[in-house]
Every structure is written in structure tokens, then in C-alpha cells.
Amino acid sequence: MVEIEDKVVSEDLFEEFFNCDYAKCKGICCVEGDSGAPLEIEEIEALEESLEQIKEYMSPEGIEAVERSGTFEVDSDGDYTTTLIGGAECAFSINDNGFTLCAIEKAYRDNKISFNKPISCHLYPIRVVKLADGMVGLNYHRWSICSDAVKCGTKSKTKVYQALKEPLVRVFGETFYRYLTEVDEIIENGEVVEE
């Protein structure tokens, strides 16, 4: 683990390779699983404020699930997550010729709303956990459905943190991302990273 500012970063982010291979996985992470995407309180508020615009992109099943249960659920761990359709598929997922897209992200990219998809989705496979004393941990989450992303990242030599530059900057800023690249250089040069 490497401590950067108020974050504890798993060395897996520098050592493991990952690069989404959307052509192969087709966005299956939005459909598989037993829980929706983790949400922050402010994301729930943004979803509720933007719901009418997002509905323009949602499937009928997704709209029905949200109208029945709301924009979020509480999972078995007590965390807020996006509402699911049939216990697996995110209510905000949409099928586009066999590929799964995000209705929230589509509305954002079309400038209909100012909120992009939940950060937990944007950052995946990095999971952020709250630690003591206001610290947060950044961990690499391994999921078998992302095996093609691991192969793609290995082939292109794209490390986890490099593949996720945009969301890392979105959440933590350019300076933090620059620190990640500096730590990576230290590791690459075989130097010891002070913890």
C-alpha cells in the first residue's frame, strides 16, 4: 500500500494491467451481479433532480423499476446502490444492439444533465473505501467477467490507474493523478516506495 495525500492506494493499481474491451464484454458489468452500483448521497440527489431527463433514455423496464422502488436501494451491506431490474440488471442500463449502455451517461453526453454516471461505475475496477481519520482506500477489484479487460490491458501494457485516468482526475484531481504517475515511476525503477 502507498499513502498519497489522504489516500491509501493498493500497489495493484501500478502492478496489474486492465483496459476495458467493450467490444468483447459489451458492458456486462451493468447487467451482472447481485447489487446495483454504489451511490454517494449527493449522487442520489443528482439522480432524483435529473430523473425526468434520464427517463428519456431508459428502457420501459428500468422506468418501471425506478417508479416502483425509487432511484436507489439499500443492499445487504447497508450501502446505497442503483435500483435493479429483476435482481441483477441496473435500472439505468439500456440495450443498444446487444451492447449495454448507461442512460445516465447518455443523458450527460447529450448535455441534458450535468451529472455523469455514478463514480463507482466510472472508476471500476477501482473501488473506493472509507477508512479511519478521513482517509480513503483505493483498491483493485477483480471480477471474472473482466477477464477480457485484463487480457487487453496486458497486451497494451496499460496499468489499472492509467486506464482510469479520466475518472481518477474527475474525483481526485490532476495533482493526485500526477502523484500516481510519480509513484509508478519509482516502482518501475525498482526504488522503495515509502509507506
N, C-alpha and C. Protein backbone atom coordinates (compact mmCIF):
# COMPACT_ATOMS: atom_id res chain seq x y z
N MET A 1 0.84 -1.19 0.00
CA MET A 1 0.00 0.00 0.00
C MET A 1 0.88 1.24 0.00
N VAL A 2 0.40 2.26 -0.71
CA VAL A 2 1.13 3.52 -0.81
C VAL A 2 0.21 4.64 -0.33
N GLU A 3 0.72 5.49 0.54
CA GLU A 3 -0.09 6.60 1.04
C GLU A 3 0.22 7.85 0.22
N ILE A 4 -0.81 8.43 -0.39
CA ILE A 4 -0.68 9.65 -1.17
C ILE A 4 -1.75 10.61 -0.67
N GLU A 5 -1.33 11.75 -0.15
CA GLU A 5 -2.25 12.70 0.46
C GLU A 5 -3.07 11.97 1.52
N ASP A 6 -4.39 12.00 1.42
CA ASP A 6 -5.24 11.32 2.40
C ASP A 6 -5.80 10.01 1.83
N LYS A 7 -5.02 9.39 0.92
CA LYS A 7 -5.47 8.17 0.27
C LYS A 7 -4.44 7.06 0.44
N VAL A 8 -4.94 5.86 0.66
CA VAL A 8 -4.10 4.67 0.73
C VAL A 8 -4.37 3.88 -0.54
N VAL A 9 -3.35 3.77 -1.38
CA VAL A 9 -3.51 3.20 -2.72
C VAL A 9 -2.87 1.82 -2.78
N SER A 10 -3.64 0.85 -3.23
CA SER A 10 -3.13 -0.50 -3.39
C SER A 10 -2.08 -0.51 -4.51
N GLU A 11 -0.99 -1.22 -4.28
CA GLU A 11 0.05 -1.33 -5.31
C GLU A 11 -0.45 -2.07 -6.55
N ASP A 12 -1.58 -2.78 -6.42
CA ASP A 12 -2.17 -3.45 -7.59
C ASP A 12 -2.47 -2.45 -8.70
N LEU A 13 -2.78 -1.20 -8.35
CA LEU A 13 -3.11 -0.20 -9.36
C LEU A 13 -1.92 0.09 -10.27
N PHE A 14 -0.70 -0.17 -9.76
CA PHE A 14 0.52 0.06 -10.52
C PHE A 14 1.07 -1.23 -11.13
N GLU A 15 0.67 -2.35 -10.58
CA GLU A 15 1.26 -3.63 -10.99
C GLU A 15 0.38 -4.47 -11.91
N GLU A 16 -0.94 -4.26 -11.82
CA GLU A 16 -1.87 -5.05 -12.62
C GLU A 16 -2.25 -4.29 -13.89
N PHE A 17 -2.56 -5.05 -14.94
CA PHE A 17 -2.96 -4.46 -16.21
C PHE A 17 -4.47 -4.59 -16.40
N PHE A 18 -5.06 -3.56 -17.02
CA PHE A 18 -6.51 -3.54 -17.22
C PHE A 18 -6.82 -2.50 -18.29
N ASN A 19 -7.69 -2.85 -19.22
CA ASN A 19 -8.16 -1.89 -20.21
C ASN A 19 -9.46 -2.44 -20.77
N CYS A 20 -10.58 -1.80 -20.46
CA CYS A 20 -11.89 -2.32 -20.87
C CYS A 20 -11.88 -2.69 -22.35
N ASP A 21 -12.37 -3.88 -22.64
CA ASP A 21 -12.51 -4.34 -24.02
C ASP A 21 -14.01 -4.44 -24.30
N TYR A 22 -14.62 -3.28 -24.49
CA TYR A 22 -16.07 -3.16 -24.62
C TYR A 22 -16.62 -4.00 -25.77
N ALA A 23 -15.82 -4.14 -26.82
CA ALA A 23 -16.27 -4.94 -27.97
C ALA A 23 -16.51 -6.39 -27.57
N LYS A 24 -15.80 -6.85 -26.54
CA LYS A 24 -15.96 -8.24 -26.10
C LYS A 24 -16.92 -8.37 -24.93
N CYS A 25 -16.80 -7.49 -23.94
CA CYS A 25 -17.66 -7.65 -22.75
C CYS A 25 -19.05 -7.06 -22.97
N LYS A 26 -19.17 -6.08 -23.85
CA LYS A 26 -20.45 -5.45 -24.21
C LYS A 26 -21.15 -4.82 -23.02
N GLY A 27 -20.38 -4.42 -22.00
CA GLY A 27 -20.97 -3.75 -20.85
C GLY A 27 -21.68 -4.66 -19.89
N ILE A 28 -21.24 -5.90 -19.80
CA ILE A 28 -21.91 -6.91 -18.96
C ILE A 28 -21.90 -6.54 -17.47
N CYS A 29 -20.96 -5.69 -17.05
CA CYS A 29 -20.89 -5.32 -15.63
C CYS A 29 -22.13 -4.55 -15.18
N CYS A 30 -22.87 -3.97 -16.11
CA CYS A 30 -24.10 -3.24 -15.77
C CYS A 30 -25.29 -4.18 -15.64
N VAL A 31 -25.10 -5.44 -16.03
CA VAL A 31 -26.19 -6.40 -16.08
C VAL A 31 -25.99 -7.51 -15.05
N GLU A 32 -24.75 -7.88 -14.79
CA GLU A 32 -24.43 -8.97 -13.87
C GLU A 32 -24.30 -8.45 -12.44
N GLY A 33 -24.40 -9.35 -11.49
CA GLY A 33 -24.17 -9.01 -10.09
C GLY A 33 -25.44 -9.13 -9.27
N ASP A 34 -25.26 -8.96 -7.96
CA ASP A 34 -26.40 -9.09 -7.06
C ASP A 34 -26.71 -7.78 -6.35
N SER A 35 -26.09 -6.72 -6.83
CA SER A 35 -26.29 -5.41 -6.22
C SER A 35 -26.08 -4.35 -7.30
N GLY A 36 -26.75 -3.21 -7.13
CA GLY A 36 -26.56 -2.12 -8.09
C GLY A 36 -25.24 -1.41 -7.87
N ALA A 37 -25.02 -0.37 -8.63
CA ALA A 37 -23.79 0.42 -8.50
C ALA A 37 -23.83 1.23 -7.20
N PRO A 38 -22.76 1.20 -6.41
CA PRO A 38 -22.73 2.01 -5.19
C PRO A 38 -22.93 3.49 -5.50
N LEU A 39 -23.69 4.17 -4.64
CA LEU A 39 -24.02 5.58 -4.82
C LEU A 39 -23.66 6.38 -3.58
N GLU A 40 -23.18 7.60 -3.81
CA GLU A 40 -23.00 8.57 -2.73
C GLU A 40 -24.31 9.33 -2.56
N ILE A 41 -24.51 9.92 -1.40
CA ILE A 41 -25.74 10.68 -1.12
C ILE A 41 -25.96 11.76 -2.17
N GLU A 42 -24.88 12.51 -2.51
CA GLU A 42 -25.04 13.59 -3.49
C GLU A 42 -25.39 13.06 -4.88
N GLU A 43 -24.99 11.81 -5.17
CA GLU A 43 -25.35 11.21 -6.46
C GLU A 43 -26.83 10.85 -6.48
N ILE A 44 -27.36 10.40 -5.35
CA ILE A 44 -28.80 10.11 -5.27
C ILE A 44 -29.59 11.39 -5.52
N GLU A 45 -29.14 12.48 -4.89
CA GLU A 45 -29.82 13.76 -5.08
C GLU A 45 -29.77 14.19 -6.55
N ALA A 46 -28.59 14.03 -7.18
CA ALA A 46 -28.44 14.41 -8.59
C ALA A 46 -29.32 13.55 -9.49
N LEU A 47 -29.41 12.25 -9.18
CA LEU A 47 -30.27 11.35 -9.95
C LEU A 47 -31.73 11.78 -9.86
N GLU A 48 -32.15 12.08 -8.65
CA GLU A 48 -33.55 12.45 -8.46
C GLU A 48 -33.87 13.78 -9.14
N GLU A 49 -32.92 14.72 -9.11
CA GLU A 49 -33.14 16.01 -9.77
C GLU A 49 -33.18 15.87 -11.29
N SER A 50 -32.46 14.89 -11.83
CA SER A 50 -32.32 14.73 -13.29
C SER A 50 -33.16 13.59 -13.85
N LEU A 51 -33.96 12.96 -13.01
CA LEU A 51 -34.64 11.72 -13.42
C LEU A 51 -35.50 11.88 -14.67
N GLU A 52 -36.23 12.96 -14.78
CA GLU A 52 -37.12 13.11 -15.94
C GLU A 52 -36.31 13.14 -17.24
N GLN A 53 -35.16 13.80 -17.24
CA GLN A 53 -34.31 13.84 -18.45
C GLN A 53 -33.69 12.46 -18.71
N ILE A 54 -33.30 11.76 -17.64
CA ILE A 54 -32.69 10.43 -17.79
C ILE A 54 -33.71 9.43 -18.32
N LYS A 55 -34.96 9.56 -17.90
CA LYS A 55 -36.02 8.63 -18.34
C LYS A 55 -36.15 8.59 -19.85
N GLU A 56 -35.81 9.68 -20.52
CA GLU A 56 -35.90 9.72 -21.99
C GLU A 56 -35.02 8.65 -22.63
N TYR A 57 -34.00 8.19 -21.88
CA TYR A 57 -33.04 7.22 -22.41
C TYR A 57 -33.25 5.81 -21.84
N MET A 58 -34.04 5.71 -20.79
CA MET A 58 -34.20 4.43 -20.08
C MET A 58 -35.11 3.47 -20.81
N SER A 59 -34.96 2.18 -20.48
CA SER A 59 -35.86 1.16 -21.01
C SER A 59 -37.18 1.20 -20.23
N PRO A 60 -38.24 0.68 -20.81
CA PRO A 60 -39.52 0.63 -20.08
C PRO A 60 -39.39 -0.13 -18.75
N GLU A 61 -38.59 -1.21 -18.76
CA GLU A 61 -38.39 -2.00 -17.54
C GLU A 61 -37.64 -1.19 -16.47
N GLY A 62 -36.67 -0.40 -16.91
CA GLY A 62 -35.92 0.44 -15.99
C GLY A 62 -36.78 1.52 -15.38
N ILE A 63 -37.61 2.15 -16.22
CA ILE A 63 -38.52 3.19 -15.73
C ILE A 63 -39.49 2.59 -14.71
N GLU A 64 -40.02 1.41 -15.03
CA GLU A 64 -40.95 0.75 -14.12
C GLU A 64 -40.29 0.45 -12.77
N ALA A 65 -39.04 -0.05 -12.81
CA ALA A 65 -38.32 -0.38 -11.57
C ALA A 65 -38.09 0.87 -10.72
N VAL A 66 -37.71 1.96 -11.36
CA VAL A 66 -37.45 3.21 -10.63
C VAL A 66 -38.75 3.81 -10.10
N GLU A 67 -39.81 3.73 -10.88
CA GLU A 67 -41.10 4.26 -10.41
C GLU A 67 -41.65 3.43 -9.25
N ARG A 68 -41.32 2.15 -9.24
CA ARG A 68 -41.79 1.26 -8.17
C ARG A 68 -40.92 1.39 -6.91
N SER A 69 -39.58 1.44 -7.09
CA SER A 69 -38.66 1.37 -5.94
C SER A 69 -37.88 2.64 -5.67
N GLY A 70 -37.90 3.59 -6.59
CA GLY A 70 -37.09 4.79 -6.44
C GLY A 70 -35.76 4.66 -7.16
N THR A 71 -34.94 5.69 -7.08
CA THR A 71 -33.67 5.70 -7.83
C THR A 71 -32.58 4.87 -7.17
N PHE A 72 -32.81 4.47 -5.90
CA PHE A 72 -31.78 3.70 -5.21
C PHE A 72 -32.40 2.64 -4.31
N GLU A 73 -31.57 1.67 -3.95
CA GLU A 73 -31.93 0.63 -3.00
C GLU A 73 -30.85 0.58 -1.94
N VAL A 74 -31.12 -0.11 -0.86
CA VAL A 74 -30.10 -0.36 0.16
C VAL A 74 -29.75 -1.84 0.06
N ASP A 75 -28.46 -2.13 -0.18
CA ASP A 75 -28.06 -3.52 -0.38
C ASP A 75 -27.85 -4.25 0.95
N SER A 76 -27.43 -5.49 0.88
CA SER A 76 -27.28 -6.32 2.09
C SER A 76 -26.21 -5.79 3.03
N ASP A 77 -25.29 -4.96 2.53
CA ASP A 77 -24.26 -4.36 3.38
C ASP A 77 -24.70 -3.01 3.96
N GLY A 78 -25.92 -2.58 3.60
CA GLY A 78 -26.42 -1.30 4.09
C GLY A 78 -25.97 -0.12 3.26
N ASP A 79 -25.42 -0.39 2.06
CA ASP A 79 -24.95 0.68 1.18
C ASP A 79 -26.04 1.08 0.19
N TYR A 80 -26.02 2.34 -0.23
CA TYR A 80 -26.94 2.82 -1.26
C TYR A 80 -26.42 2.37 -2.62
N THR A 81 -27.32 1.81 -3.43
CA THR A 81 -26.95 1.35 -4.77
C THR A 81 -28.08 1.68 -5.75
N THR A 82 -27.74 1.67 -7.04
CA THR A 82 -28.78 1.90 -8.04
C THR A 82 -29.82 0.78 -7.98
N THR A 83 -31.03 1.12 -8.32
CA THR A 83 -32.14 0.16 -8.36
C THR A 83 -31.87 -0.89 -9.44
N LEU A 84 -32.31 -2.10 -9.17
CA LEU A 84 -32.12 -3.20 -10.11
C LEU A 84 -33.43 -3.62 -10.77
N ILE A 85 -33.28 -4.21 -11.94
CA ILE A 85 -34.39 -4.87 -12.63
C ILE A 85 -34.19 -6.37 -12.42
N GLY A 86 -35.14 -7.02 -11.82
CA GLY A 86 -35.06 -8.48 -11.65
C GLY A 86 -33.88 -8.94 -10.82
N GLY A 87 -33.40 -8.11 -9.91
CA GLY A 87 -32.34 -8.52 -9.00
C GLY A 87 -30.95 -8.57 -9.59
N ALA A 88 -30.75 -8.11 -10.81
CA ALA A 88 -29.40 -8.18 -11.40
C ALA A 88 -29.06 -6.94 -12.24
N GLU A 89 -29.89 -6.61 -13.19
CA GLU A 89 -29.56 -5.55 -14.15
C GLU A 89 -29.86 -4.16 -13.58
N CYS A 90 -28.92 -3.25 -13.74
CA CYS A 90 -29.12 -1.88 -13.28
C CYS A 90 -30.30 -1.26 -14.02
N ALA A 91 -31.16 -0.57 -13.28
CA ALA A 91 -32.35 0.04 -13.89
C ALA A 91 -31.98 1.12 -14.91
N PHE A 92 -30.76 1.65 -14.83
CA PHE A 92 -30.34 2.70 -15.75
C PHE A 92 -29.59 2.15 -16.96
N SER A 93 -29.46 0.82 -17.04
CA SER A 93 -28.79 0.22 -18.20
C SER A 93 -29.77 0.14 -19.36
N ILE A 94 -29.24 0.29 -20.55
CA ILE A 94 -30.07 0.18 -21.75
C ILE A 94 -29.34 -0.67 -22.79
N ASN A 95 -30.11 -1.39 -23.57
CA ASN A 95 -29.53 -2.26 -24.59
C ASN A 95 -29.52 -1.52 -25.92
N ASP A 96 -28.34 -1.50 -26.54
CA ASP A 96 -28.19 -0.85 -27.84
C ASP A 96 -27.53 -1.85 -28.78
N ASN A 97 -28.35 -2.60 -29.51
CA ASN A 97 -27.85 -3.61 -30.46
C ASN A 97 -26.91 -4.61 -29.80
N GLY A 98 -27.31 -5.10 -28.62
CA GLY A 98 -26.51 -6.11 -27.94
C GLY A 98 -25.44 -5.55 -27.02
N PHE A 99 -25.26 -4.24 -27.01
CA PHE A 99 -24.30 -3.60 -26.11
C PHE A 99 -25.07 -2.87 -25.01
N THR A 100 -24.56 -2.96 -23.80
CA THR A 100 -25.21 -2.28 -22.68
C THR A 100 -24.60 -0.90 -22.49
N LEU A 101 -25.47 0.09 -22.45
CA LEU A 101 -25.06 1.48 -22.23
C LEU A 101 -25.73 1.99 -20.97
N CYS A 102 -25.31 3.16 -20.52
CA CYS A 102 -25.86 3.78 -19.32
C CYS A 102 -26.73 4.97 -19.71
N ALA A 103 -27.99 4.94 -19.29
CA ALA A 103 -28.91 6.05 -19.61
C ALA A 103 -28.44 7.35 -18.99
N ILE A 104 -27.85 7.27 -17.81
CA ILE A 104 -27.35 8.48 -17.13
C ILE A 104 -26.23 9.10 -17.96
N GLU A 105 -25.29 8.25 -18.36
CA GLU A 105 -24.15 8.75 -19.14
C GLU A 105 -24.59 9.30 -20.50
N LYS A 106 -25.57 8.63 -21.13
CA LYS A 106 -26.06 9.13 -22.42
C LYS A 106 -26.69 10.51 -22.27
N ALA A 107 -27.49 10.69 -21.22
CA ALA A 107 -28.11 12.00 -20.97
C ALA A 107 -27.04 13.06 -20.71
N TYR A 108 -25.99 12.67 -20.00
CA TYR A 108 -24.89 13.59 -19.71
C TYR A 108 -24.15 13.97 -21.00
N ARG A 109 -23.82 12.97 -21.80
CA ARG A 109 -23.08 13.23 -23.04
C ARG A 109 -23.90 14.04 -24.05
N ASP A 110 -25.21 13.95 -23.95
CA ASP A 110 -26.09 14.75 -24.82
C ASP A 110 -26.40 16.12 -24.21
N ASN A 111 -25.68 16.45 -23.12
CA ASN A 111 -25.85 17.75 -22.43
C ASN A 111 -27.26 17.99 -21.90
N LYS A 112 -27.95 16.90 -21.56
CA LYS A 112 -29.29 17.04 -20.97
C LYS A 112 -29.21 17.22 -19.45
N ILE A 113 -28.12 16.68 -18.84
CA ILE A 113 -27.93 16.78 -17.40
C ILE A 113 -26.46 17.10 -17.13
N SER A 114 -26.16 17.58 -15.93
CA SER A 114 -24.78 17.94 -15.59
C SER A 114 -24.07 16.84 -14.80
N PHE A 115 -24.79 15.79 -14.46
CA PHE A 115 -24.26 14.69 -13.65
C PHE A 115 -23.89 13.52 -14.54
N ASN A 116 -22.63 13.10 -14.48
CA ASN A 116 -22.21 11.91 -15.23
C ASN A 116 -22.61 10.67 -14.44
N LYS A 117 -22.36 9.50 -15.00
CA LYS A 117 -22.73 8.26 -14.32
C LYS A 117 -22.09 8.19 -12.93
N PRO A 118 -22.60 7.33 -12.05
CA PRO A 118 -22.03 7.23 -10.70
C PRO A 118 -20.52 6.97 -10.75
N ILE A 119 -19.83 7.59 -9.83
CA ILE A 119 -18.37 7.47 -9.82
C ILE A 119 -17.92 6.02 -9.62
N SER A 120 -18.72 5.24 -8.90
CA SER A 120 -18.34 3.83 -8.70
C SER A 120 -18.30 3.08 -10.03
N CYS A 121 -19.17 3.47 -10.97
CA CYS A 121 -19.16 2.87 -12.31
C CYS A 121 -17.97 3.40 -13.12
N HIS A 122 -17.79 4.71 -13.06
CA HIS A 122 -16.74 5.36 -13.84
C HIS A 122 -15.35 4.87 -13.40
N LEU A 123 -15.18 4.64 -12.10
CA LEU A 123 -13.88 4.22 -11.57
C LEU A 123 -13.62 2.72 -11.66
N TYR A 124 -14.64 1.93 -11.96
CA TYR A 124 -14.46 0.49 -11.92
C TYR A 124 -13.34 0.04 -12.87
N PRO A 125 -12.41 -0.83 -12.42
CA PRO A 125 -12.42 -1.74 -11.29
C PRO A 125 -11.78 -1.21 -10.00
N ILE A 126 -11.58 0.09 -9.91
CA ILE A 126 -11.11 0.63 -8.64
C ILE A 126 -12.32 0.83 -7.74
N ARG A 127 -12.19 0.33 -6.52
CA ARG A 127 -13.22 0.53 -5.50
C ARG A 127 -12.65 1.44 -4.42
N VAL A 128 -13.42 2.45 -4.04
CA VAL A 128 -13.00 3.39 -3.00
C VAL A 128 -13.71 3.01 -1.71
N VAL A 129 -12.92 2.87 -0.64
CA VAL A 129 -13.49 2.55 0.67
C VAL A 129 -13.09 3.63 1.66
N LYS A 130 -14.00 3.94 2.56
CA LYS A 130 -13.71 4.94 3.59
C LYS A 130 -12.95 4.27 4.73
N LEU A 131 -11.86 4.90 5.14
CA LEU A 131 -11.03 4.39 6.23
C LEU A 131 -11.14 5.34 7.42
N ALA A 132 -10.41 5.04 8.46
CA ALA A 132 -10.41 5.88 9.66
C ALA A 132 -9.75 7.23 9.37
N ASP A 133 -10.04 8.21 10.21
CA ASP A 133 -9.41 9.53 10.15
C ASP A 133 -9.59 10.25 8.82
N GLY A 134 -10.71 10.01 8.13
CA GLY A 134 -10.98 10.71 6.88
C GLY A 134 -10.18 10.20 5.69
N MET A 135 -9.42 9.13 5.89
CA MET A 135 -8.65 8.55 4.79
C MET A 135 -9.58 7.70 3.91
N VAL A 136 -9.18 7.53 2.65
CA VAL A 136 -9.89 6.61 1.77
C VAL A 136 -8.89 5.63 1.17
N GLY A 137 -9.37 4.43 0.89
CA GLY A 137 -8.53 3.43 0.26
C GLY A 137 -8.97 3.21 -1.18
N LEU A 138 -8.00 3.03 -2.07
CA LEU A 138 -8.28 2.73 -3.47
C LEU A 138 -7.76 1.32 -3.74
N ASN A 139 -8.68 0.41 -4.02
CA ASN A 139 -8.34 -0.99 -4.23
C ASN A 139 -8.76 -1.45 -5.62
N TYR A 140 -8.05 -2.45 -6.11
CA TYR A 140 -8.38 -3.06 -7.39
C TYR A 140 -9.32 -4.23 -7.14
N HIS A 141 -10.51 -4.18 -7.73
CA HIS A 141 -11.49 -5.24 -7.58
C HIS A 141 -11.42 -6.18 -8.77
N ARG A 142 -11.17 -7.44 -8.51
CA ARG A 142 -11.10 -8.44 -9.58
C ARG A 142 -12.46 -9.11 -9.75
N TRP A 143 -12.90 -9.23 -11.01
CA TRP A 143 -14.18 -9.86 -11.32
C TRP A 143 -13.98 -10.66 -12.59
N SER A 144 -14.39 -11.91 -12.57
CA SER A 144 -14.13 -12.82 -13.70
C SER A 144 -14.69 -12.29 -15.02
N ILE A 145 -15.78 -11.53 -14.98
CA ILE A 145 -16.35 -11.04 -16.24
C ILE A 145 -15.45 -10.00 -16.91
N CYS A 146 -14.43 -9.53 -16.19
CA CYS A 146 -13.50 -8.55 -16.76
C CYS A 146 -12.21 -9.19 -17.26
N SER A 147 -12.23 -10.50 -17.49
CA SER A 147 -11.01 -11.18 -17.94
C SER A 147 -10.52 -10.64 -19.28
N ASP A 148 -11.43 -10.25 -20.16
CA ASP A 148 -11.01 -9.67 -21.45
C ASP A 148 -10.32 -8.33 -21.25
N ALA A 149 -10.75 -7.57 -20.25
CA ALA A 149 -10.11 -6.28 -19.95
C ALA A 149 -8.69 -6.50 -19.44
N VAL A 150 -8.49 -7.56 -18.67
CA VAL A 150 -7.15 -7.89 -18.18
C VAL A 150 -6.26 -8.29 -19.35
N LYS A 151 -6.79 -9.11 -20.25
CA LYS A 151 -6.02 -9.51 -21.44
C LYS A 151 -5.68 -8.30 -22.30
N CYS A 152 -6.66 -7.42 -22.51
CA CYS A 152 -6.45 -6.22 -23.33
C CYS A 152 -5.40 -5.31 -22.69
N GLY A 153 -5.50 -5.12 -21.37
CA GLY A 153 -4.54 -4.29 -20.66
C GLY A 153 -3.14 -4.87 -20.69
N THR A 154 -3.05 -6.19 -20.57
CA THR A 154 -1.75 -6.86 -20.61
C THR A 154 -1.11 -6.68 -21.99
N LYS A 155 -1.93 -6.83 -23.02
CA LYS A 155 -1.43 -6.69 -24.39
C LYS A 155 -0.94 -5.26 -24.65
N SER A 156 -1.70 -4.28 -24.17
CA SER A 156 -1.33 -2.87 -24.41
C SER A 156 -0.42 -2.29 -23.33
N LYS A 157 -0.14 -3.11 -22.28
CA LYS A 157 0.69 -2.67 -21.14
C LYS A 157 0.07 -1.45 -20.44
N THR A 158 -1.27 -1.47 -20.33
CA THR A 158 -2.00 -0.38 -19.67
C THR A 158 -2.29 -0.80 -18.23
N LYS A 159 -1.72 -0.06 -17.30
CA LYS A 159 -1.92 -0.37 -15.89
C LYS A 159 -3.29 0.12 -15.44
N VAL A 160 -3.79 -0.43 -14.34
CA VAL A 160 -5.13 -0.10 -13.85
C VAL A 160 -5.30 1.41 -13.73
N TYR A 161 -4.37 2.08 -13.05
CA TYR A 161 -4.54 3.52 -12.84
C TYR A 161 -4.48 4.30 -14.15
N GLN A 162 -3.71 3.83 -15.12
CA GLN A 162 -3.62 4.51 -16.41
C GLN A 162 -4.94 4.39 -17.18
N ALA A 163 -5.56 3.22 -17.11
CA ALA A 163 -6.83 3.01 -17.81
C ALA A 163 -7.94 3.89 -17.24
N LEU A 164 -7.77 4.32 -16.00
CA LEU A 164 -8.82 5.07 -15.31
C LEU A 164 -8.43 6.51 -15.03
N LYS A 165 -7.60 7.08 -15.89
CA LYS A 165 -7.16 8.46 -15.68
C LYS A 165 -8.35 9.43 -15.59
N GLU A 166 -9.27 9.35 -16.54
CA GLU A 166 -10.39 10.31 -16.57
C GLU A 166 -11.19 10.31 -15.26
N PRO A 167 -11.67 9.15 -14.78
CA PRO A 167 -12.42 9.19 -13.52
C PRO A 167 -11.57 9.52 -12.30
N LEU A 168 -10.29 9.11 -12.31
CA LEU A 168 -9.42 9.46 -11.18
C LEU A 168 -9.26 10.98 -11.09
N VAL A 169 -9.07 11.62 -12.23
CA VAL A 169 -8.96 13.08 -12.25
C VAL A 169 -10.30 13.71 -11.87
N ARG A 170 -11.39 13.12 -12.36
CA ARG A 170 -12.74 13.64 -12.04
C ARG A 170 -12.95 13.70 -10.52
N VAL A 171 -12.52 12.66 -9.81
CA VAL A 171 -12.78 12.57 -8.38
C VAL A 171 -11.70 13.23 -7.54
N PHE A 172 -10.44 12.98 -7.89
CA PHE A 172 -9.34 13.38 -7.01
C PHE A 172 -8.46 14.50 -7.55
N GLY A 173 -8.62 14.85 -8.83
CA GLY A 173 -7.88 15.97 -9.40
C GLY A 173 -6.59 15.59 -10.11
N GLU A 174 -6.10 16.54 -10.90
CA GLU A 174 -4.89 16.34 -11.71
C GLU A 174 -3.65 16.09 -10.85
N THR A 175 -3.54 16.82 -9.74
CA THR A 175 -2.36 16.69 -8.89
C THR A 175 -2.23 15.27 -8.35
N PHE A 176 -3.34 14.71 -7.88
CA PHE A 176 -3.31 13.35 -7.37
C PHE A 176 -2.90 12.38 -8.48
N TYR A 177 -3.44 12.56 -9.68
CA TYR A 177 -3.07 11.66 -10.77
C TYR A 177 -1.58 11.79 -11.09
N ARG A 178 -1.05 13.00 -11.02
CA ARG A 178 0.39 13.18 -11.25
C ARG A 178 1.20 12.42 -10.20
N TYR A 179 0.73 12.44 -8.95
CA TYR A 179 1.41 11.69 -7.90
C TYR A 179 1.40 10.19 -8.21
N LEU A 180 0.29 9.71 -8.76
CA LEU A 180 0.23 8.29 -9.13
C LEU A 180 1.29 7.96 -10.16
N THR A 181 1.46 8.82 -11.15
CA THR A 181 2.47 8.56 -12.19
C THR A 181 3.88 8.59 -11.60
N GLU A 182 4.09 9.48 -10.63
CA GLU A 182 5.40 9.56 -9.99
C GLU A 182 5.69 8.30 -9.17
N VAL A 183 4.69 7.80 -8.45
CA VAL A 183 4.86 6.56 -7.69
C VAL A 183 5.14 5.41 -8.65
N ASP A 184 4.42 5.37 -9.76
CA ASP A 184 4.64 4.32 -10.76
C ASP A 184 6.08 4.33 -11.27
N GLU A 185 6.61 5.52 -11.53
CA GLU A 185 8.00 5.62 -11.99
C GLU A 185 8.96 5.10 -10.94
N ILE A 186 8.70 5.40 -9.68
CA ILE A 186 9.55 4.92 -8.59
C ILE A 186 9.53 3.39 -8.55
N ILE A 187 8.34 2.82 -8.65
CA ILE A 187 8.21 1.36 -8.65
C ILE A 187 8.91 0.76 -9.86
N GLU A 188 8.71 1.37 -11.04
CA GLU A 188 9.35 0.88 -12.27
C GLU A 188 10.87 0.88 -12.15
N ASN A 189 11.41 1.88 -11.46
CA ASN A 189 12.87 1.99 -11.31
C ASN A 189 13.41 1.12 -10.17
N GLY A 190 12.51 0.35 -9.55
CA GLY A 190 12.95 -0.57 -8.51
C GLY A 190 13.25 0.11 -7.18
N GLU A 191 12.83 1.35 -7.03
CA GLU A 191 13.07 2.05 -5.78
C GLU A 191 12.00 1.66 -4.77
N VAL A 192 12.29 1.88 -3.52
CA VAL A 192 11.35 1.56 -2.44
C VAL A 192 10.39 2.72 -2.29
N VAL A 193 9.11 2.41 -2.26
CA VAL A 193 8.09 3.43 -2.03
C VAL A 193 7.87 3.54 -0.54
N GLU A 194 8.07 4.74 -0.01
CA GLU A 194 7.87 4.95 1.42
C GLU A 194 6.39 4.90 1.71
N GLU A 195 6.05 4.10 2.74
CA GLU A 195 4.64 3.95 3.10
C GLU A 195 4.30 4.85 4.27
